[in-house]
Amino acid sequence: MISIGLGEDFNGYDRTIDTHIKNIRQKIEPDPRNPKYIVTVHGVGYRLGGEKKGDSHDI
């Protein structure tokens, strides 16, 4: 997501993406502590649409 949005040369990643994801979750998730729409994939990043495996996209 960083390389797409900001270019590979971006050095300012200090939980910036995590903070934005948290804020988005608070707005769209029925229960932000148990997200359904934006799911964390440990070691990879985030996945949109966590309800169905295989139909979602990793960020």
C-alpha atoms as a PDB file:
ATOM      1  CA  MET A   1       0.000   0.000   0.000  1.00  0.00           C
ATOM      2  CA  ILE A   2       2.857   2.371   0.784  1.00  0.00           C
ATOM      3  CA  SER A   3       4.631   1.774  -2.528  1.00  0.00           C
ATOM      4  CA  ILE A   4       1.382   2.318  -4.463  1.00  0.00           C
ATOM      5  CA  GLY A   5       0.278   5.416  -2.580  1.00  0.00           C
ATOM      6  CA  LEU A   6       3.532   7.100  -1.702  1.00  0.00           C
ATOM      7  CA  GLY A   7       6.241   5.482  -3.809  1.00  0.00           C
ATOM      8  CA  GLU A   8       8.902   3.056  -2.687  1.00  0.00           C
ATOM      9  CA  ASP A   9      11.154   5.881  -1.450  1.00  0.00           C
ATOM     10  CA  PHE A  10       8.802   6.814   1.406  1.00  0.00           C
ATOM     11  CA  ASN A  11      10.631   6.634   4.752  1.00  0.00           C
ATOM     12  CA  GLY A  12       7.967   8.049   7.072  1.00  0.00           C
ATOM     13  CA  TYR A  13       6.325   4.760   8.023  1.00  0.00           C
ATOM     14  CA  ASP A  14       6.022   4.816  11.784  1.00  0.00           C
ATOM     15  CA  ARG A  15       2.613   3.253  12.307  1.00  0.00           C
ATOM     16  CA  THR A  16       1.037   5.813   9.937  1.00  0.00           C
ATOM     17  CA  ILE A  17      -0.844   3.178   7.940  1.00  0.00           C
ATOM     18  CA  ASP A  18      -1.924   1.393  11.128  1.00  0.00           C
ATOM     19  CA  THR A  19      -3.361   4.646  12.483  1.00  0.00           C
ATOM     20  CA  HIS A  20      -5.324   5.293   9.289  1.00  0.00           C
ATOM     21  CA  ILE A  21      -6.661   1.727   9.254  1.00  0.00           C
ATOM     22  CA  LYS A  22      -7.729   2.102  12.895  1.00  0.00           C
ATOM     23  CA  ASN A  23      -9.595   5.327  12.077  1.00  0.00           C
ATOM     24  CA  ILE A  24     -11.291   3.773   9.040  1.00  0.00           C
ATOM     25  CA  ARG A  25     -12.312   0.741  11.102  1.00  0.00           C
ATOM     26  CA  GLN A  26     -13.912   2.997  13.716  1.00  0.00           C
ATOM     27  CA  LYS A  27     -16.053   4.516  10.971  1.00  0.00           C
ATOM     28  CA  ILE A  28     -17.087   1.420   8.983  1.00  0.00           C
ATOM     29  CA  GLU A  29     -16.904  -1.606  11.261  1.00  0.00           C
ATOM     30  CA  PRO A  30     -19.868  -2.586  13.471  1.00  0.00           C
ATOM     31  CA  ASP A  31     -17.309  -3.768  16.064  1.00  0.00           C
ATOM     32  CA  PRO A  32     -13.843  -2.270  15.366  1.00  0.00           C
ATOM     33  CA  ARG A  33     -12.196  -4.684  17.838  1.00  0.00           C
ATOM     34  CA  ASN A  34     -13.408  -7.637  15.736  1.00  0.00           C
ATOM     35  CA  PRO A  35     -13.152  -6.298  12.179  1.00  0.00           C
ATOM     36  CA  LYS A  36     -14.954  -7.920   9.246  1.00  0.00           C
ATOM     37  CA  TYR A  37     -14.200  -5.481   6.415  1.00  0.00           C
ATOM     38  CA  ILE A  38     -10.521  -4.670   6.967  1.00  0.00           C
ATOM     39  CA  VAL A  39      -8.701  -7.665   8.438  1.00  0.00           C
ATOM     40  CA  THR A  40      -5.092  -7.708   9.630  1.00  0.00           C
ATOM     41  CA  VAL A  41      -2.921 -10.356   7.940  1.00  0.00           C
ATOM     42  CA  HIS A  42       0.085 -10.740  10.235  1.00  0.00           C
ATOM     43  CA  GLY A  43       3.386 -10.435   8.407  1.00  0.00           C
ATOM     44  CA  VAL A  44       1.645  -9.197   5.248  1.00  0.00           C
ATOM     45  CA  GLY A  45      -0.569  -6.183   5.958  1.00  0.00           C
ATOM     46  CA  TYR A  46      -4.322  -5.892   5.583  1.00  0.00           C
ATOM     47  CA  ARG A  47      -7.040  -7.654   3.627  1.00  0.00           C
ATOM     48  CA  LEU A  48     -10.278  -6.061   2.451  1.00  0.00           C
ATOM     49  CA  GLY A  49     -13.480  -8.007   2.882  1.00  0.00           C
ATOM     50  CA  GLY A  50     -12.406 -10.566   5.447  1.00  0.00           C
ATOM     51  CA  GLU A  51     -15.712 -12.486   5.335  1.00  0.00           C
ATOM     52  CA  LYS A  52     -14.756 -14.836   2.465  1.00  0.00           C
ATOM     53  CA  LYS A  53     -11.353 -16.413   1.937  1.00  0.00           C
ATOM     54  CA  GLY A  54     -10.019 -16.130  -1.578  1.00  0.00           C
ATOM     55  CA  ASP A  55     -12.339 -13.307  -2.648  1.00  0.00           C
ATOM     56  CA  SER A  56     -10.518 -10.550  -0.797  1.00  0.00           C
ATOM     57  CA  HIS A  57      -7.453  -8.524  -1.715  1.00  0.00           C
ATOM     58  CA  ASP A  58      -4.294  -8.042   0.351  1.00  0.00           C
ATOM     59  CA  ILE A  59      -3.023  -4.493   0.707  1.00  0.00           C
END
